[in-house]
Amino acid sequence: MVDITPIMEAVFTLLAAILGVIVVPFIKSRVDAFWIGIAVDAAEQIYKGSRRGEEKKAYVVAWLKENNIAVNQKRLDAMLEAIVGKLNKELKGEADKDNKDGDDDDASGC
């Protein structure tokens, strides 16, 4: 009878390596993006108004450090830009939707 134990050990070692090198970092990046999104949403609620980007970013960075979420600065900047861009598109979409609902307050049709 052929002993396949060494072959199975090699297969499991390969699977463990793939899991550690590819899957775990992928999941971690998704989790990090989720928590950064939470921090950005919180900053948007706390610091209302325009021209407060630096305050919002400082809040997000402090919140991430406080919660032991480590992200390098370039990656954090890219994630913040993506999240803020998405928020701006959503807000613009809502504004466009509000303007197209037929209730034009500026119209003097009477």
PDB file of N, CA and C in Angstrom:
ATOM      1  N   MET A   1       0.842  -1.182   0.000  1.00  0.00           N
ATOM      2  CA  MET A   1       0.000   0.000   0.000  1.00  0.00           C
ATOM      3  C   MET A   1       0.888   1.246   0.000  1.00  0.00           C
ATOM      4  N   VAL A   2       0.464   2.284  -0.715  1.00  0.00           N
ATOM      5  CA  VAL A   2       1.236   3.511  -0.858  1.00  0.00           C
ATOM      6  C   VAL A   2       0.868   4.475   0.278  1.00  0.00           C
ATOM      7  N   ASP A   3       1.892   5.010   0.912  1.00  0.00           N
ATOM      8  CA  ASP A   3       1.697   5.969   1.994  1.00  0.00           C
ATOM      9  C   ASP A   3       1.621   7.374   1.396  1.00  0.00           C
ATOM     10  N   ILE A   4       0.435   8.008   1.496  1.00  0.00           N
ATOM     11  CA  ILE A   4       0.251   9.338   0.913  1.00  0.00           C
ATOM     12  C   ILE A   4       0.376  10.450   1.959  1.00  0.00           C
ATOM     13  N   THR A   5       0.806  10.102   3.151  1.00  0.00           N
ATOM     14  CA  THR A   5       0.931  11.090   4.215  1.00  0.00           C
ATOM     15  C   THR A   5       1.838  12.255   3.825  1.00  0.00           C
ATOM     16  N   PRO A   6       3.031  12.021   3.259  1.00  0.00           N
ATOM     17  CA  PRO A   6       3.876  13.159   2.876  1.00  0.00           C
ATOM     18  C   PRO A   6       3.220  14.060   1.822  1.00  0.00           C
ATOM     19  N   ILE A   7       2.469  13.471   0.925  1.00  0.00           N
ATOM     20  CA  ILE A   7       1.786  14.253  -0.106  1.00  0.00           C
ATOM     21  C   ILE A   7       0.701  15.119   0.537  1.00  0.00           C
ATOM     22  N   MET A   8      -0.054  14.550   1.453  1.00  0.00           N
ATOM     23  CA  MET A   8      -1.107  15.296   2.132  1.00  0.00           C
ATOM     24  C   MET A   8      -0.508  16.417   2.990  1.00  0.00           C
ATOM     25  N   GLU A   9       0.609  16.155   3.646  1.00  0.00           N
ATOM     26  CA  GLU A   9       1.287  17.183   4.435  1.00  0.00           C
ATOM     27  C   GLU A   9       1.724  18.345   3.538  1.00  0.00           C
ATOM     28  N   ALA A  10       2.240  18.019   2.365  1.00  0.00           N
ATOM     29  CA  ALA A  10       2.668  19.052   1.427  1.00  0.00           C
ATOM     30  C   ALA A  10       1.470  19.873   0.936  1.00  0.00           C
ATOM     31  N   VAL A  11       0.365  19.211   0.657  1.00  0.00           N
ATOM     32  CA  VAL A  11      -0.836  19.908   0.190  1.00  0.00           C
ATOM     33  C   VAL A  11      -1.354  20.841   1.280  1.00  0.00           C
ATOM     34  N   PHE A  12      -1.426  20.350   2.512  1.00  0.00           N
ATOM     35  CA  PHE A  12      -1.914  21.194   3.607  1.00  0.00           C
ATOM     36  C   PHE A  12      -0.964  22.352   3.900  1.00  0.00           C
ATOM     37  N   THR A  13       0.324  22.117   3.772  1.00  0.00           N
ATOM     38  CA  THR A  13       1.294  23.192   3.963  1.00  0.00           C
ATOM     39  C   THR A  13       1.119  24.263   2.888  1.00  0.00           C
ATOM     40  N   LEU A  14       0.918  23.842   1.658  1.00  0.00           N
ATOM     41  CA  LEU A  14       0.683  24.775   0.562  1.00  0.00           C
ATOM     42  C   LEU A  14      -0.603  25.573   0.782  1.00  0.00           C
ATOM     43  N   LEU A  15      -1.662  24.903   1.198  1.00  0.00           N
ATOM     44  CA  LEU A  15      -2.920  25.593   1.475  1.00  0.00           C
ATOM     45  C   LEU A  15      -2.764  26.596   2.614  1.00  0.00           C
ATOM     46  N   ALA A  16      -2.026  26.232   3.646  1.00  0.00           N
ATOM     47  CA  ALA A  16      -1.793  27.146   4.762  1.00  0.00           C
ATOM     48  C   ALA A  16      -0.991  28.367   4.303  1.00  0.00           C
ATOM     49  N   ALA A  17      -0.022  28.157   3.437  1.00  0.00           N
ATOM     50  CA  ALA A  17       0.774  29.270   2.914  1.00  0.00           C
ATOM     51  C   ALA A  17      -0.089  30.207   2.079  1.00  0.00           C
ATOM     52  N   ILE A  18      -0.919  29.645   1.228  1.00  0.00           N
ATOM     53  CA  ILE A  18      -1.813  30.459   0.408  1.00  0.00           C
ATOM     54  C   ILE A  18      -2.771  31.241   1.297  1.00  0.00           C
ATOM     55  N   LEU A  19      -3.304  30.603   2.300  1.00  0.00           N
ATOM     56  CA  LEU A  19      -4.207  31.267   3.233  1.00  0.00           C
ATOM     57  C   LEU A  19      -3.517  32.430   3.932  1.00  0.00           C
ATOM     58  N   GLY A  20      -2.291  32.197   4.380  1.00  0.00           N
ATOM     59  CA  GLY A  20      -1.561  33.228   5.106  1.00  0.00           C
ATOM     60  C   GLY A  20      -1.083  34.375   4.245  1.00  0.00           C
ATOM     61  N   VAL A  21      -0.765  34.106   2.995  1.00  0.00           N
ATOM     62  CA  VAL A  21      -0.188  35.127   2.122  1.00  0.00           C
ATOM     63  C   VAL A  21      -1.249  35.890   1.328  1.00  0.00           C
ATOM     64  N   ILE A  22      -2.328  35.230   0.957  1.00  0.00           N
ATOM     65  CA  ILE A  22      -3.315  35.866   0.088  1.00  0.00           C
ATOM     66  C   ILE A  22      -4.625  36.168   0.812  1.00  0.00           C
ATOM     67  N   VAL A  23      -5.205  35.192   1.432  1.00  0.00           N
ATOM     68  CA  VAL A  23      -6.549  35.340   1.980  1.00  0.00           C
ATOM     69  C   VAL A  23      -6.576  36.251   3.207  1.00  0.00           C
ATOM     70  N   VAL A  24      -5.677  36.057   4.147  1.00  0.00           N
ATOM     71  CA  VAL A  24      -5.680  36.851   5.374  1.00  0.00           C
ATOM     72  C   VAL A  24      -5.455  38.335   5.082  1.00  0.00           C
ATOM     73  N   PRO A  25      -4.461  38.722   4.279  1.00  0.00           N
ATOM     74  CA  PRO A  25      -4.321  40.149   3.965  1.00  0.00           C
ATOM     75  C   PRO A  25      -5.532  40.731   3.227  1.00  0.00           C
ATOM     76  N   PHE A  26      -6.150  39.931   2.371  1.00  0.00           N
ATOM     77  CA  PHE A  26      -7.342  40.389   1.651  1.00  0.00           C
ATOM     78  C   PHE A  26      -8.467  40.692   2.634  1.00  0.00           C
ATOM     79  N   ILE A  27      -8.708  39.791   3.555  1.00  0.00           N
ATOM     80  CA  ILE A  27      -9.764  39.991   4.547  1.00  0.00           C
ATOM     81  C   ILE A  27      -9.431  41.180   5.445  1.00  0.00           C
ATOM     82  N   LYS A  28      -8.161  41.280   5.847  1.00  0.00           N
ATOM     83  CA  LYS A  28      -7.747  42.399   6.699  1.00  0.00           C
ATOM     84  C   LYS A  28      -7.978  43.730   5.998  1.00  0.00           C
ATOM     85  N   SER A  29      -7.675  43.818   4.708  1.00  0.00           N
ATOM     86  CA  SER A  29      -7.881  45.075   3.989  1.00  0.00           C
ATOM     87  C   SER A  29      -9.363  45.436   3.930  1.00  0.00           C
ATOM     88  N   ARG A  30     -10.228  44.441   3.781  1.00  0.00           N
ATOM     89  CA  ARG A  30     -11.668  44.696   3.754  1.00  0.00           C
ATOM     90  C   ARG A  30     -12.163  45.173   5.119  1.00  0.00           C
ATOM     91  N   VAL A  31     -11.660  44.557   6.173  1.00  0.00           N
ATOM     92  CA  VAL A  31     -12.041  44.953   7.527  1.00  0.00           C
ATOM     93  C   VAL A  31     -11.540  46.362   7.817  1.00  0.00           C
ATOM     94  N   ASP A  32     -10.288  46.655   7.435  1.00  0.00           N
ATOM     95  CA  ASP A  32      -9.742  47.997   7.631  1.00  0.00           C
ATOM     96  C   ASP A  32     -10.580  49.037   6.901  1.00  0.00           C
ATOM     97  N   ALA A  33     -10.953  48.751   5.665  1.00  0.00           N
ATOM     98  CA  ALA A  33     -11.766  49.687   4.889  1.00  0.00           C
ATOM     99  C   ALA A  33     -13.117  49.914   5.564  1.00  0.00           C
ATOM    100  N   PHE A  34     -13.680  48.867   6.138  1.00  0.00           N
ATOM    101  CA  PHE A  34     -14.952  48.987   6.849  1.00  0.00           C
ATOM    102  C   PHE A  34     -14.813  49.943   8.030  1.00  0.00           C
ATOM    103  N   TRP A  35     -13.764  49.739   8.837  1.00  0.00           N
ATOM    104  CA  TRP A  35     -13.579  50.577  10.026  1.00  0.00           C
ATOM    105  C   TRP A  35     -13.217  52.014   9.652  1.00  0.00           C
ATOM    106  N   ILE A  36     -12.464  52.190   8.585  1.00  0.00           N
ATOM    107  CA  ILE A  36     -12.163  53.551   8.128  1.00  0.00           C
ATOM    108  C   ILE A  36     -13.453  54.239   7.689  1.00  0.00           C
ATOM    109  N   GLY A  37     -14.317  53.502   7.022  1.00  0.00           N
ATOM    110  CA  GLY A  37     -15.612  54.057   6.623  1.00  0.00           C
ATOM    111  C   GLY A  37     -16.446  54.480   7.829  1.00  0.00           C
ATOM    112  N   ILE A  38     -16.425  53.672   8.882  1.00  0.00           N
ATOM    113  CA  ILE A  38     -17.142  54.016  10.108  1.00  0.00           C
ATOM    114  C   ILE A  38     -16.576  55.313  10.693  1.00  0.00           C
ATOM    115  N   ALA A  39     -15.238  55.398  10.748  1.00  0.00           N
ATOM    116  CA  ALA A  39     -14.593  56.594  11.311  1.00  0.00           C
ATOM    117  C   ALA A  39     -14.903  57.825  10.470  1.00  0.00           C
ATOM    118  N   VAL A  40     -14.927  57.688   9.152  1.00  0.00           N
ATOM    119  CA  VAL A  40     -15.240  58.819   8.268  1.00  0.00           C
ATOM    120  C   VAL A  40     -16.682  59.266   8.484  1.00  0.00           C
ATOM    121  N   ASP A  41     -17.596  58.314   8.582  1.00  0.00           N
ATOM    122  CA  ASP A  41     -18.992  58.669   8.834  1.00  0.00           C
ATOM    123  C   ASP A  41     -19.136  59.424  10.157  1.00  0.00           C
ATOM    124  N   ALA A  42     -18.421  58.960  11.176  1.00  0.00           N
ATOM    125  CA  ALA A  42     -18.471  59.635  12.476  1.00  0.00           C
ATOM    126  C   ALA A  42     -17.910  61.055  12.369  1.00  0.00           C
ATOM    127  N   ALA A  43     -16.793  61.199  11.671  1.00  0.00           N
ATOM    128  CA  ALA A  43     -16.191  62.525  11.501  1.00  0.00           C
ATOM    129  C   ALA A  43     -17.133  63.461  10.752  1.00  0.00           C
ATOM    130  N   GLU A  44     -17.832  62.942   9.753  1.00  0.00           N
ATOM    131  CA  GLU A  44     -18.787  63.755   8.994  1.00  0.00           C
ATOM    132  C   GLU A  44     -19.923  64.233   9.887  1.00  0.00           C
ATOM    133  N   GLN A  45     -20.332  63.413  10.839  1.00  0.00           N
ATOM    134  CA  GLN A  45     -21.403  63.804  11.752  1.00  0.00           C
ATOM    135  C   GLN A  45     -20.918  64.816  12.791  1.00  0.00           C
ATOM    136  N   ILE A  46     -19.686  64.652  13.252  1.00  0.00           N
ATOM    137  CA  ILE A  46     -19.148  65.515  14.307  1.00  0.00           C
ATOM    138  C   ILE A  46     -18.766  66.882  13.761  1.00  0.00           C
ATOM    139  N   TYR A  47     -18.056  66.892  12.637  1.00  0.00           N
ATOM    140  CA  TYR A  47     -17.536  68.140  12.064  1.00  0.00           C
ATOM    141  C   TYR A  47     -18.359  68.519  10.837  1.00  0.00           C
ATOM    142  N   LYS A  48     -19.452  69.189  11.061  1.00  0.00           N
ATOM    143  CA  LYS A  48     -20.337  69.577   9.964  1.00  0.00           C
ATOM    144  C   LYS A  48     -19.780  70.807   9.262  1.00  0.00           C
ATOM    145  N   GLY A  49     -20.085  70.917   8.000  1.00  0.00           N
ATOM    146  CA  GLY A  49     -19.678  72.084   7.231  1.00  0.00           C
ATOM    147  C   GLY A  49     -18.499  71.787   6.321  1.00  0.00           C
ATOM    148  N   SER A  50     -18.302  72.690   5.388  1.00  0.00           N
ATOM    149  CA  SER A  50     -17.206  72.516   4.442  1.00  0.00           C
ATOM    150  C   SER A  50     -15.928  73.115   5.003  1.00  0.00           C
ATOM    151  N   ARG A  51     -14.833  72.838   4.353  1.00  0.00           N
ATOM    152  CA  ARG A  51     -13.501  73.343   4.729  1.00  0.00           C
ATOM    153  C   ARG A  51     -13.036  72.836   6.087  1.00  0.00           C
ATOM    154  N   ARG A  52     -13.494  71.672   6.486  1.00  0.00           N
ATOM    155  CA  ARG A  52     -13.073  71.103   7.763  1.00  0.00           C
ATOM    156  C   ARG A  52     -12.403  69.740   7.548  1.00  0.00           C
ATOM    157  N   GLY A  53     -11.859  69.548   6.367  1.00  0.00           N
ATOM    158  CA  GLY A  53     -11.249  68.272   6.002  1.00  0.00           C
ATOM    159  C   GLY A  53     -10.100  67.858   6.905  1.00  0.00           C
ATOM    160  N   GLU A  54      -9.260  68.813   7.282  1.00  0.00           N
ATOM    161  CA  GLU A  54      -8.118  68.485   8.141  1.00  0.00           C
ATOM    162  C   GLU A  54      -8.575  68.022   9.517  1.00  0.00           C
ATOM    163  N   GLU A  55      -9.609  68.664  10.046  1.00  0.00           N
ATOM    164  CA  GLU A  55     -10.148  68.242  11.345  1.00  0.00           C
ATOM    165  C   GLU A  55     -10.735  66.838  11.255  1.00  0.00           C
ATOM    166  N   LYS A  56     -11.455  66.592  10.173  1.00  0.00           N
ATOM    167  CA  LYS A  56     -12.062  65.281   9.980  1.00  0.00           C
ATOM    168  C   LYS A  56     -10.995  64.202   9.849  1.00  0.00           C
ATOM    169  N   LYS A  57      -9.951  64.495   9.060  1.00  0.00           N
ATOM    170  CA  LYS A  57      -8.876  63.526   8.877  1.00  0.00           C
ATOM    171  C   LYS A  57      -8.154  63.270  10.195  1.00  0.00           C
ATOM    172  N   ALA A  58      -7.905  64.314  10.967  1.00  0.00           N
ATOM    173  CA  ALA A  58      -7.251  64.149  12.266  1.00  0.00           C
ATOM    174  C   ALA A  58      -8.095  63.274  13.186  1.00  0.00           C
ATOM    175  N   TYR A  59      -9.410  63.457  13.134  1.00  0.00           N
ATOM    176  CA  TYR A  59     -10.299  62.632  13.941  1.00  0.00           C
ATOM    177  C   TYR A  59     -10.207  61.168  13.512  1.00  0.00           C
ATOM    178  N   VAL A  60     -10.235  60.925  12.209  1.00  0.00           N
ATOM    179  CA  VAL A  60     -10.174  59.553  11.696  1.00  0.00           C
ATOM    180  C   VAL A  60      -8.860  58.892  12.111  1.00  0.00           C
ATOM    181  N   VAL A  61      -7.748  59.590  11.940  1.00  0.00           N
ATOM    182  CA  VAL A  61      -6.438  59.039  12.305  1.00  0.00           C
ATOM    183  C   VAL A  61      -6.391  58.737  13.798  1.00  0.00           C
ATOM    184  N   ALA A  62      -6.879  59.671  14.621  1.00  0.00           N
ATOM    185  CA  ALA A  62      -6.872  59.457  16.070  1.00  0.00           C
ATOM    186  C   ALA A  62      -7.763  58.284  16.455  1.00  0.00           C
ATOM    187  N   TRP A  63      -8.917  58.167  15.808  1.00  0.00           N
ATOM    188  CA  TRP A  63      -9.838  57.075  16.110  1.00  0.00           C
ATOM    189  C   TRP A  63      -9.229  55.726  15.746  1.00  0.00           C
ATOM    190  N   LEU A  64      -8.566  55.680  14.599  1.00  0.00           N
ATOM    191  CA  LEU A  64      -7.932  54.430  14.178  1.00  0.00           C
ATOM    192  C   LEU A  64      -6.824  54.029  15.153  1.00  0.00           C
ATOM    193  N   LYS A  65      -6.011  54.994  15.575  1.00  0.00           N
ATOM    194  CA  LYS A  65      -4.947  54.697  16.538  1.00  0.00           C
ATOM    195  C   LYS A  65      -5.534  54.241  17.861  1.00  0.00           C
ATOM    196  N   GLU A  66      -6.578  54.911  18.285  1.00  0.00           N
ATOM    197  CA  GLU A  66      -7.232  54.576  19.549  1.00  0.00           C
ATOM    198  C   GLU A  66      -7.782  53.150  19.530  1.00  0.00           C
ATOM    199  N   ASN A  67      -8.214  52.697  18.368  1.00  0.00           N
ATOM    200  CA  ASN A  67      -8.791  51.365  18.230  1.00  0.00           C
ATOM    201  C   ASN A  67      -7.803  50.342  17.672  1.00  0.00           C
ATOM    202  N   ASN A  68      -6.517  50.693  17.700  1.00  0.00           N
ATOM    203  CA  ASN A  68      -5.436  49.787  17.290  1.00  0.00           C
ATOM    204  C   ASN A  68      -5.602  49.254  15.871  1.00  0.00           C
ATOM    205  N   ILE A  69      -5.986  50.133  14.963  1.00  0.00           N
ATOM    206  CA  ILE A  69      -6.085  49.777  13.552  1.00  0.00           C
ATOM    207  C   ILE A  69      -4.948  50.493  12.840  1.00  0.00           C
ATOM    208  N   ALA A  70      -3.978  49.722  12.397  1.00  0.00           N
ATOM    209  CA  ALA A  70      -2.782  50.290  11.776  1.00  0.00           C
ATOM    210  C   ALA A  70      -2.916  50.243  10.254  1.00  0.00           C
ATOM    211  N   VAL A  71      -2.813  51.412   9.636  1.00  0.00           N
ATOM    212  CA  VAL A  71      -2.864  51.528   8.176  1.00  0.00           C
ATOM    213  C   VAL A  71      -1.775  52.511   7.785  1.00  0.00           C
ATOM    214  N   ASN A  72      -0.982  52.168   6.752  1.00  0.00           N
ATOM    215  CA  ASN A  72       0.065  53.118   6.359  1.00  0.00           C
ATOM    216  C   ASN A  72      -0.566  54.368   5.745  1.00  0.00           C
ATOM    217  N   GLN A  73       0.176  55.463   5.799  1.00  0.00           N
ATOM    218  CA  GLN A  73      -0.369  56.783   5.455  1.00  0.00           C
ATOM    219  C   GLN A  73      -0.847  56.868   4.006  1.00  0.00           C
ATOM    220  N   LYS A  74      -0.096  56.333   3.062  1.00  0.00           N
ATOM    221  CA  LYS A  74      -0.512  56.403   1.657  1.00  0.00           C
ATOM    222  C   LYS A  74      -1.811  55.637   1.434  1.00  0.00           C
ATOM    223  N   ARG A  75      -1.896  54.470   2.037  1.00  0.00           N
ATOM    224  CA  ARG A  75      -3.103  53.650   1.896  1.00  0.00           C
ATOM    225  C   ARG A  75      -4.294  54.347   2.559  1.00  0.00           C
ATOM    226  N   LEU A  76      -4.050  54.924   3.731  1.00  0.00           N
ATOM    227  CA  LEU A  76      -5.114  55.645   4.431  1.00  0.00           C
ATOM    228  C   LEU A  76      -5.610  56.814   3.588  1.00  0.00           C
ATOM    229  N   ASP A  77      -4.696  57.581   3.009  1.00  0.00           N
ATOM    230  CA  ASP A  77      -5.083  58.715   2.165  1.00  0.00           C
ATOM    231  C   ASP A  77      -5.938  58.257   0.985  1.00  0.00           C
ATOM    232  N   ALA A  78      -5.529  57.168   0.352  1.00  0.00           N
ATOM    233  CA  ALA A  78      -6.282  56.652  -0.788  1.00  0.00           C
ATOM    234  C   ALA A  78      -7.674  56.188  -0.363  1.00  0.00           C
ATOM    235  N   MET A  79      -7.754  55.497   0.764  1.00  0.00           N
ATOM    236  CA  MET A  79      -9.053  55.031   1.253  1.00  0.00           C
ATOM    237  C   MET A  79      -9.952  56.202   1.624  1.00  0.00           C
ATOM    238  N   LEU A  80      -9.369  57.209   2.275  1.00  0.00           N
ATOM    239  CA  LEU A  80     -10.163  58.378   2.653  1.00  0.00           C
ATOM    240  C   LEU A  80     -10.699  59.098   1.424  1.00  0.00           C
ATOM    241  N   GLU A  81      -9.859  59.274   0.407  1.00  0.00           N
ATOM    242  CA  GLU A  81     -10.304  59.930  -0.823  1.00  0.00           C
ATOM    243  C   GLU A  81     -11.443  59.148  -1.478  1.00  0.00           C
ATOM    244  N   ALA A  82     -11.312  57.833  -1.504  1.00  0.00           N
ATOM    245  CA  ALA A  82     -12.354  56.999  -2.112  1.00  0.00           C
ATOM    246  C   ALA A  82     -13.661  57.094  -1.340  1.00  0.00           C
ATOM    247  N   ILE A  83     -13.578  57.033  -0.018  1.00  0.00           N
ATOM    248  CA  ILE A  83     -14.788  57.088   0.799  1.00  0.00           C
ATOM    249  C   ILE A  83     -15.451  58.452   0.703  1.00  0.00           C
ATOM    250  N   VAL A  84     -14.657  59.513   0.789  1.00  0.00           N
ATOM    251  CA  VAL A  84     -15.214  60.868   0.702  1.00  0.00           C
ATOM    252  C   VAL A  84     -15.804  61.111  -0.686  1.00  0.00           C
ATOM    253  N   GLY A  85     -15.143  60.623  -1.721  1.00  0.00           N
ATOM    254  CA  GLY A  85     -15.693  60.744  -3.073  1.00  0.00           C
ATOM    255  C   GLY A  85     -17.036  60.048  -3.195  1.00  0.00           C
ATOM    256  N   LYS A  86     -17.138  58.878  -2.599  1.00  0.00           N
ATOM    257  CA  LYS A  86     -18.407  58.134  -2.622  1.00  0.00           C
ATOM    258  C   LYS A  86     -19.486  58.900  -1.862  1.00  0.00           C
ATOM    259  N   LEU A  87     -19.133  59.447  -0.700  1.00  0.00           N
ATOM    260  CA  LEU A  87     -20.093  60.236   0.075  1.00  0.00           C
ATOM    261  C   LEU A  87     -20.564  61.455  -0.714  1.00  0.00           C
ATOM    262  N   ASN A  88     -19.628  62.137  -1.369  1.00  0.00           N
ATOM    263  CA  ASN A  88     -19.990  63.318  -2.157  1.00  0.00           C
ATOM    264  C   ASN A  88     -20.929  62.963  -3.300  1.00  0.00           C
ATOM    265  N   LYS A  89     -20.673  61.830  -3.969  1.00  0.00           N
ATOM    266  CA  LYS A  89     -21.555  61.397  -5.055  1.00  0.00           C
ATOM    267  C   LYS A  89     -22.949  61.095  -4.526  1.00  0.00           C
ATOM    268  N   GLU A  90     -23.000  60.431  -3.355  1.00  0.00           N
ATOM    269  CA  GLU A  90     -24.299  60.114  -2.767  1.00  0.00           C
ATOM    270  C   GLU A  90     -25.049  61.386  -2.389  1.00  0.00           C
ATOM    271  N   LEU A  91     -24.326  62.345  -1.793  1.00  0.00           N
ATOM    272  CA  LEU A  91     -24.970  63.604  -1.414  1.00  0.00           C
ATOM    273  C   LEU A  91     -25.437  64.381  -2.634  1.00  0.00           C
ATOM    274  N   LYS A  92     -24.627  64.394  -3.695  1.00  0.00           N
ATOM    275  CA  LYS A  92     -25.015  65.088  -4.916  1.00  0.00           C
ATOM    276  C   LYS A  92     -26.220  64.404  -5.545  1.00  0.00           C
ATOM    277  N   GLY A  93     -26.243  63.098  -5.501  1.00  0.00           N
ATOM    278  CA  GLY A  93     -27.384  62.358  -6.035  1.00  0.00           C
ATOM    279  C   GLY A  93     -28.660  62.681  -5.285  1.00  0.00           C
ATOM    280  N   GLU A  94     -28.562  62.817  -3.968  1.00  0.00           N
ATOM    281  CA  GLU A  94     -29.739  63.186  -3.183  1.00  0.00           C
ATOM    282  C   GLU A  94     -30.166  64.611  -3.488  1.00  0.00           C
ATOM    283  N   ALA A  95     -29.201  65.507  -3.669  1.00  0.00           N
ATOM    284  CA  ALA A  95     -29.537  66.898  -3.994  1.00  0.00           C
ATOM    285  C   ALA A  95     -30.214  66.973  -5.353  1.00  0.00           C
ATOM    286  N   ASP A  96     -29.695  66.236  -6.333  1.00  0.00           N
ATOM    287  CA  ASP A  96     -30.312  66.209  -7.657  1.00  0.00           C
ATOM    288  C   ASP A  96     -31.723  65.644  -7.580  1.00  0.00           C
ATOM    289  N   LYS A  97     -31.901  64.611  -6.774  1.00  0.00           N
ATOM    290  CA  LYS A  97     -33.202  63.984  -6.614  1.00  0.00           C
ATOM    291  C   LYS A  97     -34.181  64.967  -5.983  1.00  0.00           C
ATOM    292  N   ASP A  98     -33.733  65.729  -4.984  1.00  0.00           N
ATOM    293  CA  ASP A  98     -34.591  66.720  -4.333  1.00  0.00           C
ATOM    294  C   ASP A  98     -34.994  67.821  -5.304  1.00  0.00           C
ATOM    295  N   ASN A  99     -34.094  68.223  -6.187  1.00  0.00           N
ATOM    296  CA  ASN A  99     -34.402  69.290  -7.145  1.00  0.00           C
ATOM    297  C   ASN A  99     -35.332  68.834  -8.254  1.00  0.00           C
ATOM    298  N   LYS A 100     -35.413  67.537  -8.522  1.00  0.00           N
ATOM    299  CA  LYS A 100     -36.231  67.020  -9.610  1.00  0.00           C
ATOM    300  C   LYS A 100     -37.594  66.536  -9.151  1.00  0.00           C
ATOM    301  N   ASP A 101     -37.953  66.753  -7.901  1.00  0.00           N
ATOM    302  CA  ASP A 101     -39.209  66.202  -7.403  1.00  0.00           C
ATOM    303  C   ASP A 101     -40.437  67.043  -7.751  1.00  0.00           C
ATOM    304  N   GLY A 102     -40.234  68.158  -8.432  1.00  0.00           N
ATOM    305  CA  GLY A 102     -41.363  68.958  -8.875  1.00  0.00           C
ATOM    306  C   GLY A 102     -41.724  70.090  -7.930  1.00  0.00           C
ATOM    307  N   ASP A 103     -41.169  70.107  -6.765  1.00  0.00           N
ATOM    308  CA  ASP A 103     -41.433  71.160  -5.795  1.00  0.00           C
ATOM    309  C   ASP A 103     -40.329  72.205  -5.888  1.00  0.00           C
ATOM    310  N   ASP A 104     -40.421  73.053  -6.879  1.00  0.00           N
ATOM    311  CA  ASP A 104     -39.403  74.081  -7.071  1.00  0.00           C
ATOM    312  C   ASP A 104     -39.805  75.302  -6.268  1.00  0.00           C
ATOM    313  N   ASP A 105     -39.123  75.510  -5.146  1.00  0.00           N
ATOM    314  CA  ASP A 105     -39.443  76.603  -4.242  1.00  0.00           C
ATOM    315  C   ASP A 105     -39.190  77.971  -4.853  1.00  0.00           C
ATOM    316  N   ASP A 106     -38.288  78.050  -5.832  1.00  0.00           N
ATOM    317  CA  ASP A 106     -37.928  79.334  -6.422  1.00  0.00           C
ATOM    318  C   ASP A 106     -38.868  79.745  -7.550  1.00  0.00           C
ATOM    319  N   ALA A 107     -39.746  78.853  -7.971  1.00  0.00           N
ATOM    320  CA  ALA A 107     -40.625  79.148  -9.094  1.00  0.00           C
ATOM    321  C   ALA A 107     -41.745  80.086  -8.644  1.00  0.00           C
ATOM    322  N   SER A 108     -41.998  81.079  -9.467  1.00  0.00           N
ATOM    323  CA  SER A 108     -43.084  82.015  -9.145  1.00  0.00           C
ATOM    324  C   SER A 108     -44.184  81.855 -10.198  1.00  0.00           C
ATOM    325  N   GLY A 109     -44.851  80.746 -10.157  1.00  0.00           N
ATOM    326  CA  GLY A 109     -45.840  80.434 -11.175  1.00  0.00           C
ATOM    327  C   GLY A 109     -47.240  80.903 -10.819  1.00  0.00           C
ATOM    328  N   CYS A 110     -47.455  81.497  -9.657  1.00  0.00           N
ATOM    329  CA  CYS A 110     -48.803  81.913  -9.279  1.00  0.00           C
ATOM    330  C   CYS A 110     -49.110  83.255  -9.726  1.00  0.00           C
TER     331      CYS A 110
END
